[in-house]
mmCIF file of all heavy atoms, coordinates in Angstrom:
data_MODEL
# 
_entry.id   MODEL 
# 
loop_
_atom_site.group_PDB 
_atom_site.id 
_atom_site.type_symbol 
_atom_site.label_atom_id 
_atom_site.label_alt_id 
_atom_site.label_comp_id 
_atom_site.label_asym_id 
_atom_site.label_entity_id 
_atom_site.label_seq_id 
_atom_site.pdbx_PDB_ins_code 
_atom_site.Cartn_x 
_atom_site.Cartn_y 
_atom_site.Cartn_z 
_atom_site.occupancy 
_atom_site.B_iso_or_equiv 
_atom_site.pdbx_formal_charge 
_atom_site.auth_seq_id 
_atom_site.auth_comp_id 
_atom_site.auth_asym_id 
_atom_site.auth_atom_id 
_atom_site.pdbx_PDB_model_num 
ATOM 1   N N   . LEU A 1 1  ? 0.813   -1.215  0.000   1.00 0.00 ? 1  LEU A N   1 
ATOM 2   C CA  . LEU A 1 1  ? 0.000   0.000   0.000   1.00 0.00 ? 1  LEU A CA  1 
ATOM 3   C C   . LEU A 1 1  ? 0.845   1.263   0.000   1.00 0.00 ? 1  LEU A C   1 
ATOM 4   O O   . LEU A 1 1  ? 0.556   2.210   -0.721  1.00 0.00 ? 1  LEU A O   1 
ATOM 5   C CB  . LEU A 1 1  ? -0.935  0.007   1.216   1.00 0.00 ? 1  LEU A CB  1 
ATOM 6   C CG  . LEU A 1 1  ? -1.945  1.164   1.255   1.00 0.00 ? 1  LEU A CG  1 
ATOM 7   C CD1 . LEU A 1 1  ? -2.853  1.131   0.035   1.00 0.00 ? 1  LEU A CD1 1 
ATOM 8   C CD2 . LEU A 1 1  ? -2.773  1.122   2.529   1.00 0.00 ? 1  LEU A CD2 1 
ATOM 9   N N   . GLU A 1 2  ? 1.906   1.273   0.782   1.00 0.00 ? 2  GLU A N   1 
ATOM 10  C CA  . GLU A 1 2  ? 2.752   2.459   0.885   1.00 0.00 ? 2  GLU A CA  1 
ATOM 11  C C   . GLU A 1 2  ? 4.134   2.176   0.295   1.00 0.00 ? 2  GLU A C   1 
ATOM 12  O O   . GLU A 1 2  ? 4.671   1.084   0.449   1.00 0.00 ? 2  GLU A O   1 
ATOM 13  C CB  . GLU A 1 2  ? 2.908   2.885   2.337   1.00 0.00 ? 2  GLU A CB  1 
ATOM 14  C CG  . GLU A 1 2  ? 1.589   3.192   3.031   1.00 0.00 ? 2  GLU A CG  1 
ATOM 15  C CD  . GLU A 1 2  ? 0.917   4.442   2.484   1.00 0.00 ? 2  GLU A CD  1 
ATOM 16  O OE1 . GLU A 1 2  ? 1.625   5.270   1.867   1.00 0.00 ? 2  GLU A OE1 1 
ATOM 17  O OE2 . GLU A 1 2  ? -0.295  4.573   2.677   1.00 0.00 ? 2  GLU A OE2 1 
ATOM 18  N N   . LEU A 1 3  ? 4.690   3.142   -0.369  1.00 0.00 ? 3  LEU A N   1 
ATOM 19  C CA  . LEU A 1 3  ? 6.048   2.995   -0.894  1.00 0.00 ? 3  LEU A CA  1 
ATOM 20  C C   . LEU A 1 3  ? 6.750   4.346   -0.869  1.00 0.00 ? 3  LEU A C   1 
ATOM 21  O O   . LEU A 1 3  ? 6.333   5.286   -1.519  1.00 0.00 ? 3  LEU A O   1 
ATOM 22  C CB  . LEU A 1 3  ? 6.031   2.459   -2.336  1.00 0.00 ? 3  LEU A CB  1 
ATOM 23  C CG  . LEU A 1 3  ? 7.405   2.306   -2.981  1.00 0.00 ? 3  LEU A CG  1 
ATOM 24  C CD1 . LEU A 1 3  ? 8.224   1.252   -2.235  1.00 0.00 ? 3  LEU A CD1 1 
ATOM 25  C CD2 . LEU A 1 3  ? 7.294   1.911   -4.436  1.00 0.00 ? 3  LEU A CD2 1 
ATOM 26  N N   . GLN A 1 4  ? 7.796   4.416   -0.099  1.00 0.00 ? 4  GLN A N   1 
ATOM 27  C CA  . GLN A 1 4  ? 8.654   5.592   -0.060  1.00 0.00 ? 4  GLN A CA  1 
ATOM 28  C C   . GLN A 1 4  ? 10.092  5.112   -0.226  1.00 0.00 ? 4  GLN A C   1 
ATOM 29  O O   . GLN A 1 4  ? 10.407  3.946   -0.014  1.00 0.00 ? 4  GLN A O   1 
ATOM 30  C CB  . GLN A 1 4  ? 8.494   6.341   1.266   1.00 0.00 ? 4  GLN A CB  1 
ATOM 31  C CG  . GLN A 1 4  ? 7.076   6.789   1.558   1.00 0.00 ? 4  GLN A CG  1 
ATOM 32  C CD  . GLN A 1 4  ? 6.567   7.829   0.575   1.00 0.00 ? 4  GLN A CD  1 
ATOM 33  O OE1 . GLN A 1 4  ? 7.375   8.586   0.014   1.00 0.00 ? 4  GLN A OE1 1 
ATOM 34  N NE2 . GLN A 1 4  ? 5.268   7.883   0.373   1.00 0.00 ? 4  GLN A NE2 1 
ATOM 35  N N   . GLU A 1 5  ? 10.971  6.006   -0.599  1.00 0.00 ? 5  GLU A N   1 
ATOM 36  C CA  . GLU A 1 5  ? 12.362  5.622   -0.844  1.00 0.00 ? 5  GLU A CA  1 
ATOM 37  C C   . GLU A 1 5  ? 13.001  4.936   0.362   1.00 0.00 ? 5  GLU A C   1 
ATOM 38  O O   . GLU A 1 5  ? 13.738  3.965   0.231   1.00 0.00 ? 5  GLU A O   1 
ATOM 39  C CB  . GLU A 1 5  ? 13.182  6.859   -1.230  1.00 0.00 ? 5  GLU A CB  1 
ATOM 40  C CG  . GLU A 1 5  ? 12.890  7.362   -2.628  1.00 0.00 ? 5  GLU A CG  1 
ATOM 41  C CD  . GLU A 1 5  ? 13.761  8.547   -2.983  1.00 0.00 ? 5  GLU A CD  1 
ATOM 42  O OE1 . GLU A 1 5  ? 14.967  8.330   -3.180  1.00 0.00 ? 5  GLU A OE1 1 
ATOM 43  O OE2 . GLU A 1 5  ? 13.244  9.671   -3.039  1.00 0.00 ? 5  GLU A OE2 1 
ATOM 44  N N   . ASN A 1 6  ? 12.688  5.407   1.543   1.00 0.00 ? 6  ASN A N   1 
ATOM 45  C CA  . ASN A 1 6  ? 13.331  4.842   2.730   1.00 0.00 ? 6  ASN A CA  1 
ATOM 46  C C   . ASN A 1 6  ? 12.693  3.528   3.188   1.00 0.00 ? 6  ASN A C   1 
ATOM 47  O O   . ASN A 1 6  ? 13.121  2.942   4.181   1.00 0.00 ? 6  ASN A O   1 
ATOM 48  C CB  . ASN A 1 6  ? 13.314  5.854   3.887   1.00 0.00 ? 6  ASN A CB  1 
ATOM 49  C CG  . ASN A 1 6  ? 11.902  6.265   4.264   1.00 0.00 ? 6  ASN A CG  1 
ATOM 50  O OD1 . ASN A 1 6  ? 10.951  5.892   3.600   1.00 0.00 ? 6  ASN A OD1 1 
ATOM 51  N ND2 . ASN A 1 6  ? 11.779  7.037   5.326   1.00 0.00 ? 6  ASN A ND2 1 
ATOM 52  N N   . THR A 1 7  ? 11.657  3.072   2.501   1.00 0.00 ? 7  THR A N   1 
ATOM 53  C CA  . THR A 1 7  ? 11.024  1.801   2.864   1.00 0.00 ? 7  THR A CA  1 
ATOM 54  C C   . THR A 1 7  ? 11.197  0.740   1.780   1.00 0.00 ? 7  THR A C   1 
ATOM 55  O O   . THR A 1 7  ? 10.581  -0.314  1.840   1.00 0.00 ? 7  THR A O   1 
ATOM 56  C CB  . THR A 1 7  ? 9.513   1.983   3.122   1.00 0.00 ? 7  THR A CB  1 
ATOM 57  O OG1 . THR A 1 7  ? 8.873   2.439   1.912   1.00 0.00 ? 7  THR A OG1 1 
ATOM 58  C CG2 . THR A 1 7  ? 9.264   2.974   4.232   1.00 0.00 ? 7  THR A CG2 1 
ATOM 59  N N   . LEU A 1 8  ? 12.042  1.023   0.796   1.00 0.00 ? 8  LEU A N   1 
ATOM 60  C CA  . LEU A 1 8  ? 12.204  0.075   -0.304  1.00 0.00 ? 8  LEU A CA  1 
ATOM 61  C C   . LEU A 1 8  ? 12.823  -1.243  0.150   1.00 0.00 ? 8  LEU A C   1 
ATOM 62  O O   . LEU A 1 8  ? 12.353  -2.319  -0.215  1.00 0.00 ? 8  LEU A O   1 
ATOM 63  C CB  . LEU A 1 8  ? 13.073  0.696   -1.406  1.00 0.00 ? 8  LEU A CB  1 
ATOM 64  C CG  . LEU A 1 8  ? 12.373  1.684   -2.327  1.00 0.00 ? 8  LEU A CG  1 
ATOM 65  C CD1 . LEU A 1 8  ? 13.396  2.371   -3.218  1.00 0.00 ? 8  LEU A CD1 1 
ATOM 66  C CD2 . LEU A 1 8  ? 11.329  0.979   -3.183  1.00 0.00 ? 8  LEU A CD2 1 
ATOM 67  N N   . ALA A 1 9  ? 13.874  -1.171  0.944   1.00 0.00 ? 9  ALA A N   1 
ATOM 68  C CA  . ALA A 1 9  ? 14.587  -2.390  1.331   1.00 0.00 ? 9  ALA A CA  1 
ATOM 69  C C   . ALA A 1 9  ? 13.690  -3.412  2.033   1.00 0.00 ? 9  ALA A C   1 
ATOM 70  O O   . ALA A 1 9  ? 13.683  -4.587  1.656   1.00 0.00 ? 9  ALA A O   1 
ATOM 71  C CB  . ALA A 1 9  ? 15.784  -2.046  2.204   1.00 0.00 ? 9  ALA A CB  1 
ATOM 72  N N   . PRO A 1 10 ? 12.889  -3.031  3.022   1.00 0.00 ? 10 PRO A N   1 
ATOM 73  C CA  . PRO A 1 10 ? 12.046  -4.019  3.691   1.00 0.00 ? 10 PRO A CA  1 
ATOM 74  C C   . PRO A 1 10 ? 10.974  -4.616  2.787   1.00 0.00 ? 10 PRO A C   1 
ATOM 75  O O   . PRO A 1 10 ? 10.428  -5.664  3.092   1.00 0.00 ? 10 PRO A O   1 
ATOM 76  C CB  . PRO A 1 10 ? 11.396  -3.216  4.826   1.00 0.00 ? 10 PRO A CB  1 
ATOM 77  C CG  . PRO A 1 10 ? 12.208  -1.993  4.984   1.00 0.00 ? 10 PRO A CG  1 
ATOM 78  C CD  . PRO A 1 10 ? 12.807  -1.718  3.656   1.00 0.00 ? 10 PRO A CD  1 
ATOM 79  N N   . LEU A 1 11 ? 10.661  -3.955  1.674   1.00 0.00 ? 11 LEU A N   1 
ATOM 80  C CA  . LEU A 1 11 ? 9.612   -4.448  0.781   1.00 0.00 ? 11 LEU A CA  1 
ATOM 81  C C   . LEU A 1 11 ? 10.006  -5.752  0.099   1.00 0.00 ? 11 LEU A C   1 
ATOM 82  O O   . LEU A 1 11 ? 9.147   -6.538  -0.287  1.00 0.00 ? 11 LEU A O   1 
ATOM 83  C CB  . LEU A 1 11 ? 9.292   -3.403  -0.297  1.00 0.00 ? 11 LEU A CB  1 
ATOM 84  C CG  . LEU A 1 11 ? 8.276   -2.326  0.085   1.00 0.00 ? 11 LEU A CG  1 
ATOM 85  C CD1 . LEU A 1 11 ? 8.154   -1.313  -1.037  1.00 0.00 ? 11 LEU A CD1 1 
ATOM 86  C CD2 . LEU A 1 11 ? 6.924   -2.940  0.389   1.00 0.00 ? 11 LEU A CD2 1 
ATOM 87  N N   . ASN A 1 12 ? 11.299  -5.987  -0.067  1.00 0.00 ? 12 ASN A N   1 
ATOM 88  C CA  . ASN A 1 12 ? 11.728  -7.130  -0.867  1.00 0.00 ? 12 ASN A CA  1 
ATOM 89  C C   . ASN A 1 12 ? 11.702  -8.435  -0.074  1.00 0.00 ? 12 ASN A C   1 
ATOM 90  O O   . ASN A 1 12 ? 12.707  -9.121  0.064   1.00 0.00 ? 12 ASN A O   1 
ATOM 91  C CB  . ASN A 1 12 ? 13.116  -6.864  -1.449  1.00 0.00 ? 12 ASN A CB  1 
ATOM 92  C CG  . ASN A 1 12 ? 13.154  -5.586  -2.251  1.00 0.00 ? 12 ASN A CG  1 
ATOM 93  O OD1 . ASN A 1 12 ? 13.879  -4.671  -1.928  1.00 0.00 ? 12 ASN A OD1 1 
ATOM 94  N ND2 . ASN A 1 12 ? 12.347  -5.524  -3.302  1.00 0.00 ? 12 ASN A ND2 1 
ATOM 95  N N   . LYS A 1 13 ? 10.560  -8.789  0.451   1.00 0.00 ? 13 LYS A N   1 
ATOM 96  C CA  . LYS A 1 13 ? 10.410  -10.016 1.218   1.00 0.00 ? 13 LYS A CA  1 
ATOM 97  C C   . LYS A 1 13 ? 10.268  -11.218 0.304   1.00 0.00 ? 13 LYS A C   1 
ATOM 98  O O   . LYS A 1 13 ? 10.787  -12.286 0.562   1.00 0.00 ? 13 LYS A O   1 
ATOM 99  C CB  . LYS A 1 13 ? 9.195   -9.912  2.135   1.00 0.00 ? 13 LYS A CB  1 
ATOM 100 C CG  . LYS A 1 13 ? 9.292   -8.785  3.162   1.00 0.00 ? 13 LYS A CG  1 
ATOM 101 C CD  . LYS A 1 13 ? 7.978   -8.654  3.915   1.00 0.00 ? 13 LYS A CD  1 
ATOM 102 C CE  . LYS A 1 13 ? 8.027   -7.481  4.884   1.00 0.00 ? 13 LYS A CE  1 
ATOM 103 N NZ  . LYS A 1 13 ? 6.723   -7.278  5.555   1.00 0.00 ? 13 LYS A NZ  1 
ATOM 104 N N   . GLU A 1 14 ? 9.519   -11.057 -0.758  1.00 0.00 ? 14 GLU A N   1 
ATOM 105 C CA  . GLU A 1 14 ? 9.254   -12.156 -1.684  1.00 0.00 ? 14 GLU A CA  1 
ATOM 106 C C   . GLU A 1 14 ? 8.615   -11.586 -2.944  1.00 0.00 ? 14 GLU A C   1 
ATOM 107 O O   . GLU A 1 14 ? 8.075   -10.493 -2.949  1.00 0.00 ? 14 GLU A O   1 
ATOM 108 C CB  . GLU A 1 14 ? 8.308   -13.172 -1.047  1.00 0.00 ? 14 GLU A CB  1 
ATOM 109 C CG  . GLU A 1 14 ? 6.962   -12.574 -0.649  1.00 0.00 ? 14 GLU A CG  1 
ATOM 110 C CD  . GLU A 1 14 ? 6.066   -13.545 0.075   1.00 0.00 ? 14 GLU A CD  1 
ATOM 111 O OE1 . GLU A 1 14 ? 6.204   -14.758 -0.159  1.00 0.00 ? 14 GLU A OE1 1 
ATOM 112 O OE2 . GLU A 1 14 ? 5.223   -13.104 0.867   1.00 0.00 ? 14 GLU A OE2 1 
ATOM 113 N N   . ASN A 1 15 ? 8.673   -12.368 -4.025  1.00 0.00 ? 15 ASN A N   1 
ATOM 114 C CA  . ASN A 1 15 ? 7.954   -11.986 -5.235  1.00 0.00 ? 15 ASN A CA  1 
ATOM 115 C C   . ASN A 1 15 ? 6.466   -12.004 -4.947  1.00 0.00 ? 15 ASN A C   1 
ATOM 116 O O   . ASN A 1 15 ? 5.933   -12.989 -4.419  1.00 0.00 ? 15 ASN A O   1 
ATOM 117 C CB  . ASN A 1 15 ? 8.258   -12.971 -6.364  1.00 0.00 ? 15 ASN A CB  1 
ATOM 118 C CG  . ASN A 1 15 ? 9.668   -12.838 -6.893  1.00 0.00 ? 15 ASN A CG  1 
ATOM 119 O OD1 . ASN A 1 15 ? 10.294  -11.797 -6.768  1.00 0.00 ? 15 ASN A OD1 1 
ATOM 120 N ND2 . ASN A 1 15 ? 10.179  -13.898 -7.484  1.00 0.00 ? 15 ASN A ND2 1 
ATOM 121 N N   . ARG A 1 16 ? 5.780   -10.941 -5.322  1.00 0.00 ? 16 ARG A N   1 
ATOM 122 C CA  . ARG A 1 16 ? 4.342   -10.908 -5.079  1.00 0.00 ? 16 ARG A CA  1 
ATOM 123 C C   . ARG A 1 16 ? 3.674   -9.868  -5.971  1.00 0.00 ? 16 ARG A C   1 
ATOM 124 O O   . ARG A 1 16 ? 4.262   -8.821  -6.277  1.00 0.00 ? 16 ARG A O   1 
ATOM 125 C CB  . ARG A 1 16 ? 4.041   -10.618 -3.614  1.00 0.00 ? 16 ARG A CB  1 
ATOM 126 C CG  . ARG A 1 16 ? 4.565   -9.284  -3.094  1.00 0.00 ? 16 ARG A CG  1 
ATOM 127 C CD  . ARG A 1 16 ? 4.582   -9.332  -1.567  1.00 0.00 ? 16 ARG A CD  1 
ATOM 128 N NE  . ARG A 1 16 ? 4.885   -8.058  -0.962  1.00 0.00 ? 16 ARG A NE  1 
ATOM 129 C CZ  . ARG A 1 16 ? 6.126   -7.590  -0.815  1.00 0.00 ? 16 ARG A CZ  1 
ATOM 130 N NH1 . ARG A 1 16 ? 7.161   -8.271  -1.276  1.00 0.00 ? 16 ARG A NH1 1 
ATOM 131 N NH2 . ARG A 1 16 ? 6.330   -6.425  -0.218  1.00 0.00 ? 16 ARG A NH2 1 
ATOM 132 N N   . VAL A 1 17 ? 2.472   -10.174 -6.402  1.00 0.00 ? 17 VAL A N   1 
ATOM 133 C CA  . VAL A 1 17 ? 1.713   -9.254  -7.250  1.00 0.00 ? 17 VAL A CA  1 
ATOM 134 C C   . VAL A 1 17 ? 0.251   -9.261  -6.840  1.00 0.00 ? 17 VAL A C   1 
ATOM 135 O O   . VAL A 1 17 ? -0.283  -10.265 -6.384  1.00 0.00 ? 17 VAL A O   1 
ATOM 136 C CB  . VAL A 1 17 ? 1.817   -9.633  -8.748  1.00 0.00 ? 17 VAL A CB  1 
ATOM 137 C CG1 . VAL A 1 17 ? 3.238   -9.520  -9.248  1.00 0.00 ? 17 VAL A CG1 1 
ATOM 138 C CG2 . VAL A 1 17 ? 1.256   -11.025 -9.003  1.00 0.00 ? 17 VAL A CG2 1 
ATOM 139 N N   . VAL A 1 18 ? -0.353  -8.106  -7.009  1.00 0.00 ? 18 VAL A N   1 
ATOM 140 C CA  . VAL A 1 18 ? -1.798  -7.957  -6.895  1.00 0.00 ? 18 VAL A CA  1 
ATOM 141 C C   . VAL A 1 18 ? -2.257  -7.347  -8.210  1.00 0.00 ? 18 VAL A C   1 
ATOM 142 O O   . VAL A 1 18 ? -1.695  -6.346  -8.655  1.00 0.00 ? 18 VAL A O   1 
ATOM 143 C CB  . VAL A 1 18 ? -2.188  -7.041  -5.720  1.00 0.00 ? 18 VAL A CB  1 
ATOM 144 C CG1 . VAL A 1 18 ? -3.694  -6.844  -5.676  1.00 0.00 ? 18 VAL A CG1 1 
ATOM 145 C CG2 . VAL A 1 18 ? -1.693  -7.617  -4.405  1.00 0.00 ? 18 VAL A CG2 1 
ATOM 146 N N   . LEU A 1 19 ? -3.238  -7.955  -8.851  1.00 0.00 ? 19 LEU A N   1 
ATOM 147 C CA  . LEU A 1 19 ? -3.630  -7.447  -10.169 1.00 0.00 ? 19 LEU A CA  1 
ATOM 148 C C   . LEU A 1 19 ? -5.091  -7.729  -10.473 1.00 0.00 ? 19 LEU A C   1 
ATOM 149 O O   . LEU A 1 19 ? -5.703  -8.639  -9.905  1.00 0.00 ? 19 LEU A O   1 
ATOM 150 C CB  . LEU A 1 19 ? -2.745  -8.045  -11.260 1.00 0.00 ? 19 LEU A CB  1 
ATOM 151 C CG  . LEU A 1 19 ? -2.686  -9.564  -11.405 1.00 0.00 ? 19 LEU A CG  1 
ATOM 152 C CD1 . LEU A 1 19 ? -3.809  -10.072 -12.316 1.00 0.00 ? 19 LEU A CD1 1 
ATOM 153 C CD2 . LEU A 1 19 ? -1.338  -9.982  -11.999 1.00 0.00 ? 19 LEU A CD2 1 
ATOM 154 N N   . VAL A 1 20 ? -5.623  -6.916  -11.358 1.00 0.00 ? 20 VAL A N   1 
ATOM 155 C CA  . VAL A 1 20 ? -6.952  -7.158  -11.918 1.00 0.00 ? 20 VAL A CA  1 
ATOM 156 C C   . VAL A 1 20 ? -6.801  -8.145  -13.080 1.00 0.00 ? 20 VAL A C   1 
ATOM 157 O O   . VAL A 1 20 ? -5.975  -7.934  -13.966 1.00 0.00 ? 20 VAL A O   1 
ATOM 158 C CB  . VAL A 1 20 ? -7.597  -5.849  -12.413 1.00 0.00 ? 20 VAL A CB  1 
ATOM 159 C CG1 . VAL A 1 20 ? -8.919  -6.134  -13.108 1.00 0.00 ? 20 VAL A CG1 1 
ATOM 160 C CG2 . VAL A 1 20 ? -7.812  -4.894  -11.251 1.00 0.00 ? 20 VAL A CG2 1 
ATOM 161 N N   . ASP A 1 21 ? -7.562  -9.209  -13.042 1.00 0.00 ? 21 ASP A N   1 
ATOM 162 C CA  . ASP A 1 21 ? -7.480  -10.244 -14.076 1.00 0.00 ? 21 ASP A CA  1 
ATOM 163 C C   . ASP A 1 21 ? -8.248  -9.769  -15.310 1.00 0.00 ? 21 ASP A C   1 
ATOM 164 O O   . ASP A 1 21 ? -9.411  -10.092 -15.510 1.00 0.00 ? 21 ASP A O   1 
ATOM 165 C CB  . ASP A 1 21 ? -8.063  -11.549 -13.546 1.00 0.00 ? 21 ASP A CB  1 
ATOM 166 C CG  . ASP A 1 21 ? -7.851  -12.713 -14.509 1.00 0.00 ? 21 ASP A CG  1 
ATOM 167 O OD1 . ASP A 1 21 ? -7.270  -12.489 -15.587 1.00 0.00 ? 21 ASP A OD1 1 
ATOM 168 O OD2 . ASP A 1 21 ? -8.286  -13.833 -14.187 1.00 0.00 ? 21 ASP A OD2 1 
ATOM 169 N N   . THR A 1 22 ? -7.576  -9.002  -16.147 1.00 0.00 ? 22 THR A N   1 
ATOM 170 C CA  . THR A 1 22 ? -8.221  -8.408  -17.326 1.00 0.00 ? 22 THR A CA  1 
ATOM 171 C C   . THR A 1 22 ? -8.411  -9.400  -18.474 1.00 0.00 ? 22 THR A C   1 
ATOM 172 O O   . THR A 1 22 ? -9.186  -9.153  -19.390 1.00 0.00 ? 22 THR A O   1 
ATOM 173 C CB  . THR A 1 22 ? -7.388  -7.225  -17.857 1.00 0.00 ? 22 THR A CB  1 
ATOM 174 O OG1 . THR A 1 22 ? -6.090  -7.698  -18.208 1.00 0.00 ? 22 THR A OG1 1 
ATOM 175 C CG2 . THR A 1 22 ? -7.266  -6.136  -16.812 1.00 0.00 ? 22 THR A CG2 1 
ATOM 176 N N   . GLU A 1 23 ? -7.687  -10.521 -18.445 1.00 0.00 ? 23 GLU A N   1 
ATOM 177 C CA  . GLU A 1 23 ? -7.673  -11.432 -19.587 1.00 0.00 ? 23 GLU A CA  1 
ATOM 178 C C   . GLU A 1 23 ? -8.302  -12.801 -19.294 1.00 0.00 ? 23 GLU A C   1 
ATOM 179 O O   . GLU A 1 23 ? -8.217  -13.703 -20.118 1.00 0.00 ? 23 GLU A O   1 
ATOM 180 C CB  . GLU A 1 23 ? -6.224  -11.659 -20.059 1.00 0.00 ? 23 GLU A CB  1 
ATOM 181 C CG  . GLU A 1 23 ? -5.447  -10.383 -20.316 1.00 0.00 ? 23 GLU A CG  1 
ATOM 182 C CD  . GLU A 1 23 ? -6.131  -9.503  -21.341 1.00 0.00 ? 23 GLU A CD  1 
ATOM 183 O OE1 . GLU A 1 23 ? -6.387  -9.985  -22.455 1.00 0.00 ? 23 GLU A OE1 1 
ATOM 184 O OE2 . GLU A 1 23 ? -6.440  -8.337  -21.007 1.00 0.00 ? 23 GLU A OE2 1 
ATOM 185 N N   . ASN A 1 24 ? -8.916  -12.938 -18.121 1.00 0.00 ? 24 ASN A N   1 
ATOM 186 C CA  . ASN A 1 24 ? -9.403  -14.260 -17.691 1.00 0.00 ? 24 ASN A CA  1 
ATOM 187 C C   . ASN A 1 24 ? -8.276  -15.285 -17.731 1.00 0.00 ? 24 ASN A C   1 
ATOM 188 O O   . ASN A 1 24 ? -8.481  -16.465 -18.012 1.00 0.00 ? 24 ASN A O   1 
ATOM 189 C CB  . ASN A 1 24 ? -10.576 -14.738 -18.559 1.00 0.00 ? 24 ASN A CB  1 
ATOM 190 C CG  . ASN A 1 24 ? -11.846 -13.945 -18.294 1.00 0.00 ? 24 ASN A CG  1 
ATOM 191 O OD1 . ASN A 1 24 ? -12.126 -13.600 -17.154 1.00 0.00 ? 24 ASN A OD1 1 
ATOM 192 N ND2 . ASN A 1 24 ? -12.584 -13.648 -19.344 1.00 0.00 ? 24 ASN A ND2 1 
# 
């Protein structure tokens, strides 16, 4: 939800995506 320059490093916990399934 939040992304700032000083919080980038902790974000890299694992590959992950949230997306709208536009193509079924």
